């Protein structure tokens, strides 16, 4: 199953970001027992796209030095070990949500939201984001070439910008065509968005039930 084929990648990207923010807030203000249930549910939720676990694990490996530093500072400032574990668990959960967003949301999915659902400002903003994403690799390529040629940072930057300006029209055509194709071909899945709502409904129910 590829990233684009799984149900998580078919979810509305804007709603996905909003719900992810809600999850972070809910998990942050919940007591630890509620947090553990929310964490467990969220972990099982991503069985729909198991590769998320791999990306999450790789991310955790990269920040092991951070956790080591966290516990060292905890020892220095005599922070209770249990409090350090709780904080670490919440950070790990935040990383899981972040990996979910980055691995299942693309520029294509954002610009493919139906045109009639967007204001003129939103359409222009999405065009700007898409154009920037396409423009940056061109700028980097030009800069790498010019820095080898001139060996002068300022001259290389100026030359790269001048070269990129020549390609702006091509980038504009590429992005316009990409948006047009996505508007026509991309169809949102009702079940994907319904599955997305489950991600936030269950944690809310946990908090409401246990608050009585």
C-alpha atoms as a PDB file:
ATOM      1  CA  UNK A   1       0.000   0.000   0.000  1.00  0.00           C
ATOM      2  CA  UNK A   2       1.481   3.347  -1.077  1.00  0.00           C
ATOM      3  CA  UNK A   3       1.051   6.636   0.740  1.00  0.00           C
ATOM      4  CA  UNK A   4      -1.513   7.841  -1.794  1.00  0.00           C
ATOM      5  CA  UNK A   5      -3.572   4.639  -1.768  1.00  0.00           C
ATOM      6  CA  UNK A   6      -4.206   4.383   1.957  1.00  0.00           C
ATOM      7  CA  UNK A   7      -7.333   5.797   3.577  1.00  0.00           C
ATOM      8  CA  UNK A   8      -5.363   8.284   5.694  1.00  0.00           C
ATOM      9  CA  UNK A   9      -3.970  10.032   2.608  1.00  0.00           C
ATOM     10  CA  UNK A  10      -7.489  10.407   1.187  1.00  0.00           C
ATOM     11  CA  UNK A  11      -8.673  12.434   4.164  1.00  0.00           C
ATOM     12  CA  UNK A  12      -9.394  16.147   3.860  1.00  0.00           C
ATOM     13  CA  UNK A  13      -6.014  17.788   4.616  1.00  0.00           C
ATOM     14  CA  UNK A  14      -7.441  20.949   6.167  1.00  0.00           C
ATOM     15  CA  UNK A  15      -9.745  18.983   8.466  1.00  0.00           C
ATOM     16  CA  UNK A  16      -6.830  16.684   9.248  1.00  0.00           C
ATOM     17  CA  UNK A  17      -4.656  19.560  10.450  1.00  0.00           C
ATOM     18  CA  UNK A  18      -7.499  20.977  12.547  1.00  0.00           C
ATOM     19  CA  UNK A  19      -8.230  17.616  14.186  1.00  0.00           C
ATOM     20  CA  UNK A  20      -4.529  16.999  14.826  1.00  0.00           C
ATOM     21  CA  UNK A  21      -4.306  20.321  16.663  1.00  0.00           C
ATOM     22  CA  UNK A  22      -7.369  19.337  18.699  1.00  0.00           C
ATOM     23  CA  UNK A  23      -5.753  16.010  19.587  1.00  0.00           C
ATOM     24  CA  UNK A  24      -2.592  17.710  20.790  1.00  0.00           C
ATOM     25  CA  UNK A  25      -4.625  20.103  22.959  1.00  0.00           C
ATOM     26  CA  UNK A  26      -6.860  17.345  24.373  1.00  0.00           C
ATOM     27  CA  UNK A  27      -3.913  15.080  25.154  1.00  0.00           C
ATOM     28  CA  UNK A  28      -2.028  17.958  26.792  1.00  0.00           C
ATOM     29  CA  UNK A  29      -4.810  18.929  29.207  1.00  0.00           C
ATOM     30  CA  UNK A  30      -5.971  15.375  29.992  1.00  0.00           C
ATOM     31  CA  UNK A  31      -4.864  13.532  33.100  1.00  0.00           C
ATOM     32  CA  UNK A  32      -2.355  10.761  32.546  1.00  0.00           C
ATOM     33  CA  UNK A  33      -4.904   7.911  32.633  1.00  0.00           C
ATOM     34  CA  UNK A  34      -6.992   9.563  29.923  1.00  0.00           C
ATOM     35  CA  UNK A  35      -3.833  10.346  27.993  1.00  0.00           C
ATOM     36  CA  UNK A  36      -2.778   6.686  27.996  1.00  0.00           C
ATOM     37  CA  UNK A  37      -6.167   5.627  26.613  1.00  0.00           C
ATOM     38  CA  UNK A  38      -6.000   8.321  23.932  1.00  0.00           C
ATOM     39  CA  UNK A  39      -2.436   7.295  23.078  1.00  0.00           C
ATOM     40  CA  UNK A  40      -3.433   3.633  22.832  1.00  0.00           C
ATOM     41  CA  UNK A  41      -6.436   4.401  20.633  1.00  0.00           C
ATOM     42  CA  UNK A  42      -4.399   6.663  18.340  1.00  0.00           C
ATOM     43  CA  UNK A  43      -1.680   4.034  18.033  1.00  0.00           C
ATOM     44  CA  UNK A  44      -4.224   1.390  16.946  1.00  0.00           C
ATOM     45  CA  UNK A  45      -5.947   3.895  14.644  1.00  0.00           C
ATOM     46  CA  UNK A  46      -2.869   4.055  12.422  1.00  0.00           C
ATOM     47  CA  UNK A  47      -3.065   0.334  11.646  1.00  0.00           C
ATOM     48  CA  UNK A  48      -4.784   1.587   8.496  1.00  0.00           C
ATOM     49  CA  UNK A  49      -1.312   2.629   7.316  1.00  0.00           C
ATOM     50  CA  UNK A  50       1.322   0.586   9.232  1.00  0.00           C
ATOM     51  CA  UNK A  51       4.250   2.384   7.575  1.00  0.00           C
ATOM     52  CA  UNK A  52       3.548   5.288   9.917  1.00  0.00           C
ATOM     53  CA  UNK A  53       4.968   3.191  12.757  1.00  0.00           C
ATOM     54  CA  UNK A  54       8.244   2.800  10.864  1.00  0.00           C
ATOM     55  CA  UNK A  55       8.558   6.532  10.192  1.00  0.00           C
ATOM     56  CA  UNK A  56       7.644   7.238  13.814  1.00  0.00           C
ATOM     57  CA  UNK A  57      10.271   4.800  15.099  1.00  0.00           C
ATOM     58  CA  UNK A  58      12.954   6.363  12.878  1.00  0.00           C
ATOM     59  CA  UNK A  59      12.010   9.797  14.197  1.00  0.00           C
ATOM     60  CA  UNK A  60      12.258   8.579  17.791  1.00  0.00           C
ATOM     61  CA  UNK A  61      15.730   7.186  17.133  1.00  0.00           C
ATOM     62  CA  UNK A  62      16.875  10.566  15.835  1.00  0.00           C
ATOM     63  CA  UNK A  63      15.813  12.403  18.991  1.00  0.00           C
ATOM     64  CA  UNK A  64      17.167   9.914  21.546  1.00  0.00           C
ATOM     65  CA  UNK A  65      19.887  12.471  22.484  1.00  0.00           C
ATOM     66  CA  UNK A  66      17.107  14.929  23.306  1.00  0.00           C
ATOM     67  CA  UNK A  67      15.465  12.482  25.721  1.00  0.00           C
ATOM     68  CA  UNK A  68      18.839  11.713  27.310  1.00  0.00           C
ATOM     69  CA  UNK A  69      19.412  15.443  27.830  1.00  0.00           C
ATOM     70  CA  UNK A  70      15.904  15.792  29.226  1.00  0.00           C
ATOM     71  CA  UNK A  71      16.510  13.145  31.880  1.00  0.00           C
ATOM     72  CA  UNK A  72      19.960  14.537  32.705  1.00  0.00           C
ATOM     73  CA  UNK A  73      18.471  17.978  33.327  1.00  0.00           C
ATOM     74  CA  UNK A  74      15.757  16.292  35.366  1.00  0.00           C
ATOM     75  CA  UNK A  75      18.410  14.747  37.596  1.00  0.00           C
ATOM     76  CA  UNK A  76      20.300  18.042  37.899  1.00  0.00           C
ATOM     77  CA  UNK A  77      17.181  19.996  38.872  1.00  0.00           C
ATOM     78  CA  UNK A  78      15.804  17.087  40.929  1.00  0.00           C
ATOM     79  CA  UNK A  79      12.651  16.701  38.860  1.00  0.00           C
ATOM     80  CA  UNK A  80      10.663  13.599  39.881  1.00  0.00           C
ATOM     81  CA  UNK A  81      11.395  10.701  37.545  1.00  0.00           C
ATOM     82  CA  UNK A  82       7.676  10.020  37.054  1.00  0.00           C
ATOM     83  CA  UNK A  83       7.119  13.584  35.834  1.00  0.00           C
ATOM     84  CA  UNK A  84       9.948  13.173  33.337  1.00  0.00           C
ATOM     85  CA  UNK A  85       8.368   9.965  32.027  1.00  0.00           C
ATOM     86  CA  UNK A  86       4.976  11.662  31.654  1.00  0.00           C
ATOM     87  CA  UNK A  87       6.536  14.548  29.723  1.00  0.00           C
ATOM     88  CA  UNK A  88       8.463  12.130  27.494  1.00  0.00           C
ATOM     89  CA  UNK A  89       5.285  10.162  26.755  1.00  0.00           C
ATOM     90  CA  UNK A  90       3.454  13.328  25.717  1.00  0.00           C
ATOM     91  CA  UNK A  91       6.344  14.332  23.454  1.00  0.00           C
ATOM     92  CA  UNK A  92       6.344  10.865  21.876  1.00  0.00           C
ATOM     93  CA  UNK A  93       2.604  11.196  21.239  1.00  0.00           C
ATOM     94  CA  UNK A  94       3.126  14.610  19.660  1.00  0.00           C
ATOM     95  CA  UNK A  95       5.721  13.061  17.345  1.00  0.00           C
ATOM     96  CA  UNK A  96       3.259  10.342  16.346  1.00  0.00           C
ATOM     97  CA  UNK A  97       0.682  12.964  15.337  1.00  0.00           C
ATOM     98  CA  UNK A  98       3.366  14.943  13.494  1.00  0.00           C
ATOM     99  CA  UNK A  99       4.493  11.876  11.541  1.00  0.00           C
ATOM    100  CA  UNK A 100       0.861  11.136  10.671  1.00  0.00           C
ATOM    101  CA  UNK A 101       0.476  14.633   9.214  1.00  0.00           C
ATOM    102  CA  UNK A 102       3.744  14.708   7.288  1.00  0.00           C
ATOM    103  CA  UNK A 103       3.439  11.206   5.855  1.00  0.00           C
ATOM    104  CA  UNK A 104      -0.207  11.393   4.758  1.00  0.00           C
ATOM    105  CA  UNK A 105      -0.482  15.021   3.629  1.00  0.00           C
ATOM    106  CA  UNK A 106       1.066  16.375   0.439  1.00  0.00           C
ATOM    107  CA  UNK A 107       0.914  19.589  -1.549  1.00  0.00           C
ATOM    108  CA  UNK A 108      -1.201  17.719  -4.103  1.00  0.00           C
ATOM    109  CA  UNK A 109      -3.769  16.814  -1.461  1.00  0.00           C
ATOM    110  CA  UNK A 110      -3.998  20.427  -0.299  1.00  0.00           C
ATOM    111  CA  UNK A 111      -4.458  21.983  -3.725  1.00  0.00           C
ATOM    112  CA  UNK A 112      -6.935  19.288  -4.754  1.00  0.00           C
ATOM    113  CA  UNK A 113      -9.636  20.528  -2.365  1.00  0.00           C
ATOM    114  CA  UNK A 114     -12.622  21.473  -4.524  1.00  0.00           C
ATOM    115  CA  UNK A 115     -12.493  24.963  -5.949  1.00  0.00           C
ATOM    116  CA  UNK A 116     -16.003  25.841  -4.770  1.00  0.00           C
ATOM    117  CA  UNK A 117     -14.884  25.210  -1.189  1.00  0.00           C
ATOM    118  CA  UNK A 118     -12.231  27.917  -1.353  1.00  0.00           C
ATOM    119  CA  UNK A 119     -12.322  31.701  -1.221  1.00  0.00           C
ATOM    120  CA  UNK A 120     -10.278  33.722  -3.691  1.00  0.00           C
ATOM    121  CA  UNK A 121      -7.692  34.355  -0.966  1.00  0.00           C
ATOM    122  CA  UNK A 122      -7.372  30.634  -0.187  1.00  0.00           C
ATOM    123  CA  UNK A 123      -6.932  29.796  -3.867  1.00  0.00           C
ATOM    124  CA  UNK A 124      -4.183  32.398  -4.215  1.00  0.00           C
ATOM    125  CA  UNK A 125      -2.538  31.192  -1.019  1.00  0.00           C
ATOM    126  CA  UNK A 126      -2.563  27.560  -2.204  1.00  0.00           C
ATOM    127  CA  UNK A 127      -1.134  28.646  -5.558  1.00  0.00           C
ATOM    128  CA  UNK A 128       1.644  30.519  -3.728  1.00  0.00           C
ATOM    129  CA  UNK A 129       2.495  27.477  -1.581  1.00  0.00           C
ATOM    130  CA  UNK A 130       2.497  25.109  -4.564  1.00  0.00           C
ATOM    131  CA  UNK A 131       4.620  27.509  -6.628  1.00  0.00           C
ATOM    132  CA  UNK A 132       7.090  27.893  -3.759  1.00  0.00           C
ATOM    133  CA  UNK A 133       7.433  24.122  -3.416  1.00  0.00           C
ATOM    134  CA  UNK A 134       8.204  23.831  -7.136  1.00  0.00           C
ATOM    135  CA  UNK A 135      10.464  26.892  -7.148  1.00  0.00           C
ATOM    136  CA  UNK A 136      12.773  25.955  -4.253  1.00  0.00           C
ATOM    137  CA  UNK A 137      14.359  22.862  -5.930  1.00  0.00           C
ATOM    138  CA  UNK A 138      15.080  24.968  -9.027  1.00  0.00           C
ATOM    139  CA  UNK A 139      16.727  27.647  -6.892  1.00  0.00           C
ATOM    140  CA  UNK A 140      18.845  25.066  -5.055  1.00  0.00           C
ATOM    141  CA  UNK A 141      19.984  23.482  -8.328  1.00  0.00           C
ATOM    142  CA  UNK A 142      20.914  26.859  -9.811  1.00  0.00           C
ATOM    143  CA  UNK A 143      22.748  27.878  -6.633  1.00  0.00           C
ATOM    144  CA  UNK A 144      24.806  24.665  -6.514  1.00  0.00           C
ATOM    145  CA  UNK A 145      25.880  25.232 -10.108  1.00  0.00           C
ATOM    146  CA  UNK A 146      26.684  28.943  -9.652  1.00  0.00           C
ATOM    147  CA  UNK A 147      28.595  28.512  -6.397  1.00  0.00           C
ATOM    148  CA  UNK A 148      30.914  26.050  -8.136  1.00  0.00           C
ATOM    149  CA  UNK A 149      31.416  28.481 -10.999  1.00  0.00           C
ATOM    150  CA  UNK A 150      31.901  31.804  -9.195  1.00  0.00           C
ATOM    151  CA  UNK A 151      33.124  30.709  -5.738  1.00  0.00           C
ATOM    152  CA  UNK A 152      31.549  33.908  -4.417  1.00  0.00           C
ATOM    153  CA  UNK A 153      28.467  33.557  -2.251  1.00  0.00           C
ATOM    154  CA  UNK A 154      26.837  36.896  -3.118  1.00  0.00           C
ATOM    155  CA  UNK A 155      27.468  36.510  -6.845  1.00  0.00           C
ATOM    156  CA  UNK A 156      26.164  32.949  -6.732  1.00  0.00           C
ATOM    157  CA  UNK A 157      22.944  34.028  -4.988  1.00  0.00           C
ATOM    158  CA  UNK A 158      22.350  36.906  -7.426  1.00  0.00           C
ATOM    159  CA  UNK A 159      23.087  34.711 -10.451  1.00  0.00           C
ATOM    160  CA  UNK A 160      20.812  31.981  -9.117  1.00  0.00           C
ATOM    161  CA  UNK A 161      17.926  34.418  -8.628  1.00  0.00           C
ATOM    162  CA  UNK A 162      18.415  35.781 -12.139  1.00  0.00           C
ATOM    163  CA  UNK A 163      18.413  32.264 -13.583  1.00  0.00           C
ATOM    164  CA  UNK A 164      15.285  31.372 -11.613  1.00  0.00           C
ATOM    165  CA  UNK A 165      13.428  34.443 -12.853  1.00  0.00           C
ATOM    166  CA  UNK A 166      13.789  33.038 -16.353  1.00  0.00           C
ATOM    167  CA  UNK A 167      11.971  29.879 -15.224  1.00  0.00           C
ATOM    168  CA  UNK A 168       9.100  31.590 -13.387  1.00  0.00           C
ATOM    169  CA  UNK A 169       6.726  31.325 -16.333  1.00  0.00           C
ATOM    170  CA  UNK A 170       7.433  27.604 -16.635  1.00  0.00           C
ATOM    171  CA  UNK A 171       6.778  27.116 -12.910  1.00  0.00           C
ATOM    172  CA  UNK A 172       3.523  29.073 -13.201  1.00  0.00           C
ATOM    173  CA  UNK A 173       2.332  26.874 -16.061  1.00  0.00           C
ATOM    174  CA  UNK A 174       3.309  23.700 -14.185  1.00  0.00           C
ATOM    175  CA  UNK A 175       1.472  24.711 -11.008  1.00  0.00           C
ATOM    176  CA  UNK A 176      -1.609  25.932 -12.888  1.00  0.00           C
ATOM    177  CA  UNK A 177      -1.837  22.649 -14.784  1.00  0.00           C
ATOM    178  CA  UNK A 178      -1.272  20.655 -11.608  1.00  0.00           C
ATOM    179  CA  UNK A 179      -4.073  22.465  -9.789  1.00  0.00           C
ATOM    180  CA  UNK A 180      -6.412  22.096 -12.767  1.00  0.00           C
ATOM    181  CA  UNK A 181      -5.739  18.347 -13.038  1.00  0.00           C
ATOM    182  CA  UNK A 182      -6.177  17.850  -9.307  1.00  0.00           C
ATOM    183  CA  UNK A 183      -9.482  19.713  -9.261  1.00  0.00           C
ATOM    184  CA  UNK A 184     -10.800  17.429 -11.992  1.00  0.00           C
ATOM    185  CA  UNK A 185      -9.341  14.087 -10.990  1.00  0.00           C
ATOM    186  CA  UNK A 186      -9.107  14.118  -7.215  1.00  0.00           C
ATOM    187  CA  UNK A 187     -12.190  12.839  -5.407  1.00  0.00           C
ATOM    188  CA  UNK A 188     -12.522  12.877  -1.677  1.00  0.00           C
ATOM    189  CA  UNK A 189     -13.572   9.693   0.014  1.00  0.00           C
ATOM    190  CA  UNK A 190     -16.573   9.994   2.341  1.00  0.00           C
ATOM    191  CA  UNK A 191     -15.366   7.002   4.335  1.00  0.00           C
ATOM    192  CA  UNK A 192     -11.876   8.477   4.652  1.00  0.00           C
ATOM    193  CA  UNK A 193     -13.261  11.661   6.194  1.00  0.00           C
ATOM    194  CA  UNK A 194     -15.630   9.649   8.389  1.00  0.00           C
ATOM    195  CA  UNK A 195     -12.648   7.630   9.604  1.00  0.00           C
ATOM    196  CA  UNK A 196     -10.849  10.912  10.286  1.00  0.00           C
ATOM    197  CA  UNK A 197     -13.670  12.105  12.552  1.00  0.00           C
ATOM    198  CA  UNK A 198     -13.359   8.925  14.612  1.00  0.00           C
ATOM    199  CA  UNK A 199      -9.806  10.005  15.444  1.00  0.00           C
ATOM    200  CA  UNK A 200     -11.086  12.952  17.492  1.00  0.00           C
ATOM    201  CA  UNK A 201     -14.521  11.697  18.597  1.00  0.00           C
ATOM    202  CA  UNK A 202     -13.134   8.828  20.695  1.00  0.00           C
ATOM    203  CA  UNK A 203     -10.666  11.001  22.683  1.00  0.00           C
ATOM    204  CA  UNK A 204     -13.415  13.553  23.357  1.00  0.00           C
ATOM    205  CA  UNK A 205     -15.684  10.777  24.643  1.00  0.00           C
ATOM    206  CA  UNK A 206     -12.894   9.503  26.899  1.00  0.00           C
ATOM    207  CA  UNK A 207     -12.461  12.941  28.458  1.00  0.00           C
ATOM    208  CA  UNK A 208     -16.213  13.534  28.851  1.00  0.00           C
ATOM    209  CA  UNK A 209     -16.935  10.117  30.375  1.00  0.00           C
ATOM    210  CA  UNK A 210     -14.052  10.262  32.847  1.00  0.00           C
ATOM    211  CA  UNK A 211     -14.786  13.850  33.859  1.00  0.00           C
ATOM    212  CA  UNK A 212     -18.074  12.846  35.507  1.00  0.00           C
END
